Amino acid sequence: MKSKNWNEMKNMSDAELNAKLTDFKDRIFKLKFRHSAAPLKNGLEIRMLRRNIARVKTLLAQKKESN
């Protein structure tokens, strides 16, 4: 992830992060479903989404600890 996007994610509120997490989970579900039927053009999308989900969860946990 580009550092610009990471810094933007750091400044997001909890509600925005939860919305982004839900969006990432929906997208990864759809990609996995399509991948089971036919191979994806870019198989790295699933990996990138998994990592983005982990990043969002990490930020949420850090914000929860600091409160």
PDB file of N, CA and C in Angstrom:
ATOM      1  N   MET A   1       0.844  -1.170   0.000  1.00  0.00           N
ATOM      2  CA  MET A   1       0.000   0.000   0.000  1.00  0.00           C
ATOM      3  C   MET A   1       0.888   1.231   0.000  1.00  0.00           C
ATOM      4  N   LYS A   2       0.503   2.222  -0.748  1.00  0.00           N
ATOM      5  CA  LYS A   2       1.270   3.446  -0.801  1.00  0.00           C
ATOM      6  C   LYS A   2       1.177   4.151   0.538  1.00  0.00           C
ATOM      7  N   SER A   3       2.236   4.839   0.911  1.00  0.00           N
ATOM      8  CA  SER A   3       2.249   5.516   2.207  1.00  0.00           C
ATOM      9  C   SER A   3       1.177   6.594   2.271  1.00  0.00           C
ATOM     10  N   LYS A   4       0.842   7.183   1.128  1.00  0.00           N
ATOM     11  CA  LYS A   4      -0.211   8.197   1.103  1.00  0.00           C
ATOM     12  C   LYS A   4      -1.540   7.578   1.560  1.00  0.00           C
ATOM     13  N   ASN A   5      -1.870   6.413   1.026  1.00  0.00           N
ATOM     14  CA  ASN A   5      -3.111   5.741   1.413  1.00  0.00           C
ATOM     15  C   ASN A   5      -3.074   5.319   2.876  1.00  0.00           C
ATOM     16  N   TRP A   6      -1.909   4.885   3.345  1.00  0.00           N
ATOM     17  CA  TRP A   6      -1.773   4.459   4.733  1.00  0.00           C
ATOM     18  C   TRP A   6      -2.013   5.652   5.653  1.00  0.00           C
ATOM     19  N   ASN A   7      -1.435   6.801   5.316  1.00  0.00           N
ATOM     20  CA  ASN A   7      -1.636   7.995   6.133  1.00  0.00           C
ATOM     21  C   ASN A   7      -3.090   8.439   6.112  1.00  0.00           C
ATOM     22  N   GLU A   8      -3.738   8.307   4.968  1.00  0.00           N
ATOM     23  CA  GLU A   8      -5.159   8.642   4.886  1.00  0.00           C
ATOM     24  C   GLU A   8      -5.976   7.712   5.774  1.00  0.00           C
ATOM     25  N   MET A   9      -5.631   6.425   5.777  1.00  0.00           N
ATOM     26  CA  MET A   9      -6.360   5.462   6.599  1.00  0.00           C
ATOM     27  C   MET A   9      -6.137   5.737   8.082  1.00  0.00           C
ATOM     28  N   LYS A  10      -4.950   6.183   8.452  1.00  0.00           N
ATOM     29  CA  LYS A  10      -4.674   6.495   9.852  1.00  0.00           C
ATOM     30  C   LYS A  10      -5.569   7.618  10.360  1.00  0.00           C
ATOM     31  N   ASN A  11      -5.908   8.544   9.481  1.00  0.00           N
ATOM     32  CA  ASN A  11      -6.702   9.702   9.874  1.00  0.00           C
ATOM     33  C   ASN A  11      -8.204   9.470   9.791  1.00  0.00           C
ATOM     34  N   MET A  12      -8.624   8.289   9.388  1.00  0.00           N
ATOM     35  CA  MET A  12     -10.047   7.989   9.277  1.00  0.00           C
ATOM     36  C   MET A  12     -10.640   7.709  10.653  1.00  0.00           C
ATOM     37  N   SER A  13     -11.936   7.957  10.754  1.00  0.00           N
ATOM     38  CA  SER A  13     -12.638   7.650  11.997  1.00  0.00           C
ATOM     39  C   SER A  13     -12.938   6.153  12.059  1.00  0.00           C
ATOM     40  N   ASP A  14     -13.380   5.706  13.218  1.00  0.00           N
ATOM     41  CA  ASP A  14     -13.720   4.288  13.386  1.00  0.00           C
ATOM     42  C   ASP A  14     -14.841   3.866  12.442  1.00  0.00           C
ATOM     43  N   ALA A  15     -15.834   4.733  12.274  1.00  0.00           N
ATOM     44  CA  ALA A  15     -16.957   4.403  11.393  1.00  0.00           C
ATOM     45  C   ALA A  15     -16.482   4.247   9.946  1.00  0.00           C
ATOM     46  N   GLU A  16     -15.595   5.133   9.516  1.00  0.00           N
ATOM     47  CA  GLU A  16     -15.079   5.047   8.149  1.00  0.00           C
ATOM     48  C   GLU A  16     -14.237   3.789   7.968  1.00  0.00           C
ATOM     49  N   LEU A  17     -13.440   3.452   8.972  1.00  0.00           N
ATOM     50  CA  LEU A  17     -12.624   2.234   8.886  1.00  0.00           C
ATOM     51  C   LEU A  17     -13.496   0.990   8.841  1.00  0.00           C
ATOM     52  N   ASN A  18     -14.566   0.981   9.640  1.00  0.00           N
ATOM     53  CA  ASN A  18     -15.476  -0.167   9.620  1.00  0.00           C
ATOM     54  C   ASN A  18     -16.170  -0.289   8.266  1.00  0.00           C
ATOM     55  N   ALA A  19     -16.522   0.843   7.665  1.00  0.00           N
ATOM     56  CA  ALA A  19     -17.140   0.812   6.341  1.00  0.00           C
ATOM     57  C   ALA A  19     -16.149   0.281   5.305  1.00  0.00           C
ATOM     58  N   LYS A  20     -14.898   0.718   5.401  1.00  0.00           N
ATOM     59  CA  LYS A  20     -13.863   0.256   4.478  1.00  0.00           C
ATOM     60  C   LYS A  20     -13.616  -1.240   4.663  1.00  0.00           C
ATOM     61  N   LEU A  21     -13.627  -1.704   5.910  1.00  0.00           N
ATOM     62  CA  LEU A  21     -13.442  -3.124   6.201  1.00  0.00           C
ATOM     63  C   LEU A  21     -14.566  -3.945   5.580  1.00  0.00           C
ATOM     64  N   THR A  22     -15.786  -3.492   5.723  1.00  0.00           N
ATOM     65  CA  THR A  22     -16.928  -4.185   5.123  1.00  0.00           C
ATOM     66  C   THR A  22     -16.806  -4.222   3.605  1.00  0.00           C
ATOM     67  N   ASP A  23     -16.380  -3.117   3.024  1.00  0.00           N
ATOM     68  CA  ASP A  23     -16.194  -3.057   1.576  1.00  0.00           C
ATOM     69  C   ASP A  23     -15.126  -4.047   1.116  1.00  0.00           C
ATOM     70  N   PHE A  24     -13.988  -4.079   1.820  1.00  0.00           N
ATOM     71  CA  PHE A  24     -12.915  -5.012   1.469  1.00  0.00           C
ATOM     72  C   PHE A  24     -13.384  -6.457   1.589  1.00  0.00           C
ATOM     73  N   LYS A  25     -14.140  -6.771   2.642  1.00  0.00           N
ATOM     74  CA  LYS A  25     -14.626  -8.142   2.831  1.00  0.00           C
ATOM     75  C   LYS A  25     -15.601  -8.544   1.723  1.00  0.00           C
ATOM     76  N   ASP A  26     -16.461  -7.619   1.320  1.00  0.00           N
ATOM     77  CA  ASP A  26     -17.389  -7.907   0.219  1.00  0.00           C
ATOM     78  C   ASP A  26     -16.630  -8.151  -1.083  1.00  0.00           C
ATOM     79  N   ARG A  27     -15.641  -7.308  -1.350  1.00  0.00           N
ATOM     80  CA  ARG A  27     -14.870  -7.450  -2.585  1.00  0.00           C
ATOM     81  C   ARG A  27     -14.087  -8.762  -2.616  1.00  0.00           C
ATOM     82  N   ILE A  28     -13.497  -9.149  -1.478  1.00  0.00           N
ATOM     83  CA  ILE A  28     -12.714 -10.393  -1.464  1.00  0.00           C
ATOM     84  C   ILE A  28     -13.645 -11.596  -1.623  1.00  0.00           C
ATOM     85  N   PHE A  29     -14.844 -11.530  -1.052  1.00  0.00           N
ATOM     86  CA  PHE A  29     -15.800 -12.621  -1.213  1.00  0.00           C
ATOM     87  C   PHE A  29     -16.168 -12.792  -2.681  1.00  0.00           C
ATOM     88  N   LYS A  30     -16.452 -11.676  -3.352  1.00  0.00           N
ATOM     89  CA  LYS A  30     -16.831 -11.740  -4.762  1.00  0.00           C
ATOM     90  C   LYS A  30     -15.685 -12.249  -5.624  1.00  0.00           C
ATOM     91  N   LEU A  31     -14.460 -11.794  -5.315  1.00  0.00           N
ATOM     92  CA  LEU A  31     -13.306 -12.255  -6.085  1.00  0.00           C
ATOM     93  C   LEU A  31     -13.072 -13.747  -5.906  1.00  0.00           C
ATOM     94  N   LYS A  32     -13.176 -14.230  -4.673  1.00  0.00           N
ATOM     95  CA  LYS A  32     -12.977 -15.660  -4.428  1.00  0.00           C
ATOM     96  C   LYS A  32     -14.049 -16.485  -5.125  1.00  0.00           C
ATOM     97  N   PHE A  33     -15.280 -15.967  -5.130  1.00  0.00           N
ATOM     98  CA  PHE A  33     -16.368 -16.675  -5.787  1.00  0.00           C
ATOM     99  C   PHE A  33     -16.120 -16.762  -7.289  1.00  0.00           C
ATOM    100  N   ARG A  34     -15.697 -15.635  -7.903  1.00  0.00           N
ATOM    101  CA  ARG A  34     -15.400 -15.644  -9.330  1.00  0.00           C
ATOM    102  C   ARG A  34     -14.200 -16.529  -9.642  1.00  0.00           C
ATOM    103  N   HIS A  35     -13.227 -16.536  -8.735  1.00  0.00           N
ATOM    104  CA  HIS A  35     -12.018 -17.330  -8.942  1.00  0.00           C
ATOM    105  C   HIS A  35     -12.315 -18.830  -8.909  1.00  0.00           C
ATOM    106  N   SER A  36     -13.325 -19.214  -8.146  1.00  0.00           N
ATOM    107  CA  SER A  36     -13.666 -20.638  -8.087  1.00  0.00           C
ATOM    108  C   SER A  36     -14.259 -21.118  -9.416  1.00  0.00           C
ATOM    109  N   ALA A  37     -14.894 -20.215 -10.151  1.00  0.00           N
ATOM    110  CA  ALA A  37     -15.492 -20.579 -11.431  1.00  0.00           C
ATOM    111  C   ALA A  37     -14.482 -20.488 -12.571  1.00  0.00           C
ATOM    112  N   ALA A  38     -13.682 -19.439 -12.560  1.00  0.00           N
ATOM    113  CA  ALA A  38     -12.698 -19.223 -13.625  1.00  0.00           C
ATOM    114  C   ALA A  38     -11.524 -18.448 -13.042  1.00  0.00           C
ATOM    115  N   PRO A  39     -10.324 -18.684 -13.523  1.00  0.00           N
ATOM    116  CA  PRO A  39      -9.169 -17.974 -12.975  1.00  0.00           C
ATOM    117  C   PRO A  39      -9.265 -16.467 -13.191  1.00  0.00           C
ATOM    118  N   LEU A  40      -8.777 -15.731 -12.234  1.00  0.00           N
ATOM    119  CA  LEU A  40      -8.770 -14.276 -12.327  1.00  0.00           C
ATOM    120  C   LEU A  40      -7.653 -13.807 -13.242  1.00  0.00           C
ATOM    121  N   LYS A  41      -7.841 -12.634 -13.810  1.00  0.00           N
ATOM    122  CA  LYS A  41      -6.784 -12.057 -14.637  1.00  0.00           C
ATOM    123  C   LYS A  41      -5.602 -11.651 -13.767  1.00  0.00           C
ATOM    124  N   ASN A  42      -5.904 -11.068 -12.606  1.00  0.00           N
ATOM    125  CA  ASN A  42      -4.868 -10.642 -11.693  1.00  0.00           C
ATOM    126  C   ASN A  42      -5.093 -11.349 -10.353  1.00  0.00           C
ATOM    127  N   GLY A  43      -4.399 -12.427 -10.140  1.00  0.00           N
ATOM    128  CA  GLY A  43      -4.564 -13.203  -8.914  1.00  0.00           C
ATOM    129  C   GLY A  43      -4.049 -12.515  -7.671  1.00  0.00           C
ATOM    130  N   LEU A  44      -3.259 -11.467  -7.845  1.00  0.00           N
ATOM    131  CA  LEU A  44      -2.714 -10.749  -6.698  1.00  0.00           C
ATOM    132  C   LEU A  44      -3.746  -9.864  -6.006  1.00  0.00           C
ATOM    133  N   GLU A  45      -4.887  -9.650  -6.649  1.00  0.00           N
ATOM    134  CA  GLU A  45      -5.933  -8.820  -6.041  1.00  0.00           C
ATOM    135  C   GLU A  45      -6.391  -9.395  -4.712  1.00  0.00           C
ATOM    136  N   ILE A  46      -6.534 -10.716  -4.643  1.00  0.00           N
ATOM    137  CA  ILE A  46      -6.984 -11.355  -3.412  1.00  0.00           C
ATOM    138  C   ILE A  46      -5.963 -11.116  -2.307  1.00  0.00           C
ATOM    139  N   ARG A  47      -4.687 -11.270  -2.628  1.00  0.00           N
ATOM    140  CA  ARG A  47      -3.637 -11.049  -1.638  1.00  0.00           C
ATOM    141  C   ARG A  47      -3.634  -9.600  -1.149  1.00  0.00           C
ATOM    142  N   MET A  48      -3.790  -8.663  -2.084  1.00  0.00           N
ATOM    143  CA  MET A  48      -3.793  -7.252  -1.715  1.00  0.00           C
ATOM    144  C   MET A  48      -4.979  -6.924  -0.821  1.00  0.00           C
ATOM    145  N   LEU A  49      -6.131  -7.497  -1.116  1.00  0.00           N
ATOM    146  CA  LEU A  49      -7.309  -7.253  -0.289  1.00  0.00           C
ATOM    147  C   LEU A  49      -7.141  -7.848   1.109  1.00  0.00           C
ATOM    148  N   ARG A  50      -6.553  -9.054   1.185  1.00  0.00           N
ATOM    149  CA  ARG A  50      -6.311  -9.660   2.503  1.00  0.00           C
ATOM    150  C   ARG A  50      -5.411  -8.770   3.349  1.00  0.00           C
ATOM    151  N   ARG A  51      -4.392  -8.224   2.730  1.00  0.00           N
ATOM    152  CA  ARG A  51      -3.460  -7.353   3.449  1.00  0.00           C
ATOM    153  C   ARG A  51      -4.127  -6.047   3.857  1.00  0.00           C
ATOM    154  N   ASN A  52      -4.982  -5.510   3.002  1.00  0.00           N
ATOM    155  CA  ASN A  52      -5.701  -4.286   3.358  1.00  0.00           C
ATOM    156  C   ASN A  52      -6.653  -4.528   4.510  1.00  0.00           C
ATOM    157  N   ILE A  53      -7.292  -5.690   4.526  1.00  0.00           N
ATOM    158  CA  ILE A  53      -8.173  -6.040   5.644  1.00  0.00           C
ATOM    159  C   ILE A  53      -7.366  -6.096   6.938  1.00  0.00           C
ATOM    160  N   ALA A  54      -6.191  -6.706   6.877  1.00  0.00           N
ATOM    161  CA  ALA A  54      -5.338  -6.785   8.063  1.00  0.00           C
ATOM    162  C   ALA A  54      -4.908  -5.395   8.524  1.00  0.00           C
ATOM    163  N   ARG A  55      -4.615  -4.518   7.590  1.00  0.00           N
ATOM    164  CA  ARG A  55      -4.208  -3.155   7.953  1.00  0.00           C
ATOM    165  C   ARG A  55      -5.334  -2.411   8.653  1.00  0.00           C
ATOM    166  N   VAL A  56      -6.542  -2.539   8.124  1.00  0.00           N
ATOM    167  CA  VAL A  56      -7.686  -1.852   8.723  1.00  0.00           C
ATOM    168  C   VAL A  56      -7.943  -2.407  10.123  1.00  0.00           C
ATOM    169  N   LYS A  57      -7.879  -3.727  10.276  1.00  0.00           N
ATOM    170  CA  LYS A  57      -8.087  -4.329  11.587  1.00  0.00           C
ATOM    171  C   LYS A  57      -7.023  -3.878  12.577  1.00  0.00           C
ATOM    172  N   THR A  58      -5.787  -3.731  12.104  1.00  0.00           N
ATOM    173  CA  THR A  58      -4.700  -3.259  12.956  1.00  0.00           C
ATOM    174  C   THR A  58      -4.970  -1.838  13.421  1.00  0.00           C
ATOM    175  N   LEU A  59      -5.381  -0.972  12.505  1.00  0.00           N
ATOM    176  CA  LEU A  59      -5.689   0.402  12.885  1.00  0.00           C
ATOM    177  C   LEU A  59      -6.835   0.473  13.888  1.00  0.00           C
ATOM    178  N   LEU A  60      -7.863  -0.349  13.679  1.00  0.00           N
ATOM    179  CA  LEU A  60      -8.983  -0.361  14.609  1.00  0.00           C
ATOM    180  C   LEU A  60      -8.534  -0.822  15.997  1.00  0.00           C
ATOM    181  N   ALA A  61      -7.678  -1.821  16.049  1.00  0.00           N
ATOM    182  CA  ALA A  61      -7.184  -2.315  17.336  1.00  0.00           C
ATOM    183  C   ALA A  61      -6.314  -1.266  18.028  1.00  0.00           C
ATOM    184  N   GLN A  62      -5.493  -0.569  17.261  1.00  0.00           N
ATOM    185  CA  GLN A  62      -4.650   0.481  17.843  1.00  0.00           C
ATOM    186  C   GLN A  62      -5.488   1.614  18.394  1.00  0.00           C
ATOM    187  N   LYS A  63      -6.535   1.987  17.667  1.00  0.00           N
ATOM    188  CA  LYS A  63      -7.404   3.061  18.145  1.00  0.00           C
ATOM    189  C   LYS A  63      -8.172   2.631  19.387  1.00  0.00           C
ATOM    190  N   LYS A  64      -8.538   1.354  19.444  1.00  0.00           N
ATOM    191  CA  LYS A  64      -9.266   0.843  20.604  1.00  0.00           C
ATOM    192  C   LYS A  64      -8.352   0.835  21.845  1.00  0.00           C
ATOM    193  N   GLU A  65      -7.087   0.486  21.664  1.00  0.00           N
ATOM    194  CA  GLU A  65      -6.131   0.473  22.776  1.00  0.00           C
ATOM    195  C   GLU A  65      -5.867   1.880  23.300  1.00  0.00           C
ATOM    196  N   SER A  66      -5.805   2.843  22.389  1.00  0.00           N
ATOM    197  CA  SER A  66      -5.463   4.203  22.815  1.00  0.00           C
ATOM    198  C   SER A  66      -6.618   4.884  23.537  1.00  0.00           C
ATOM    199  N   ASN A  67      -7.837   4.377  23.362  1.00  0.00           N
ATOM    200  CA  ASN A  67      -8.999   4.987  24.052  1.00  0.00           C
ATOM    201  C   ASN A  67      -9.198   4.433  25.382  1.00  0.00           C
TER     202      ASN A  67
END
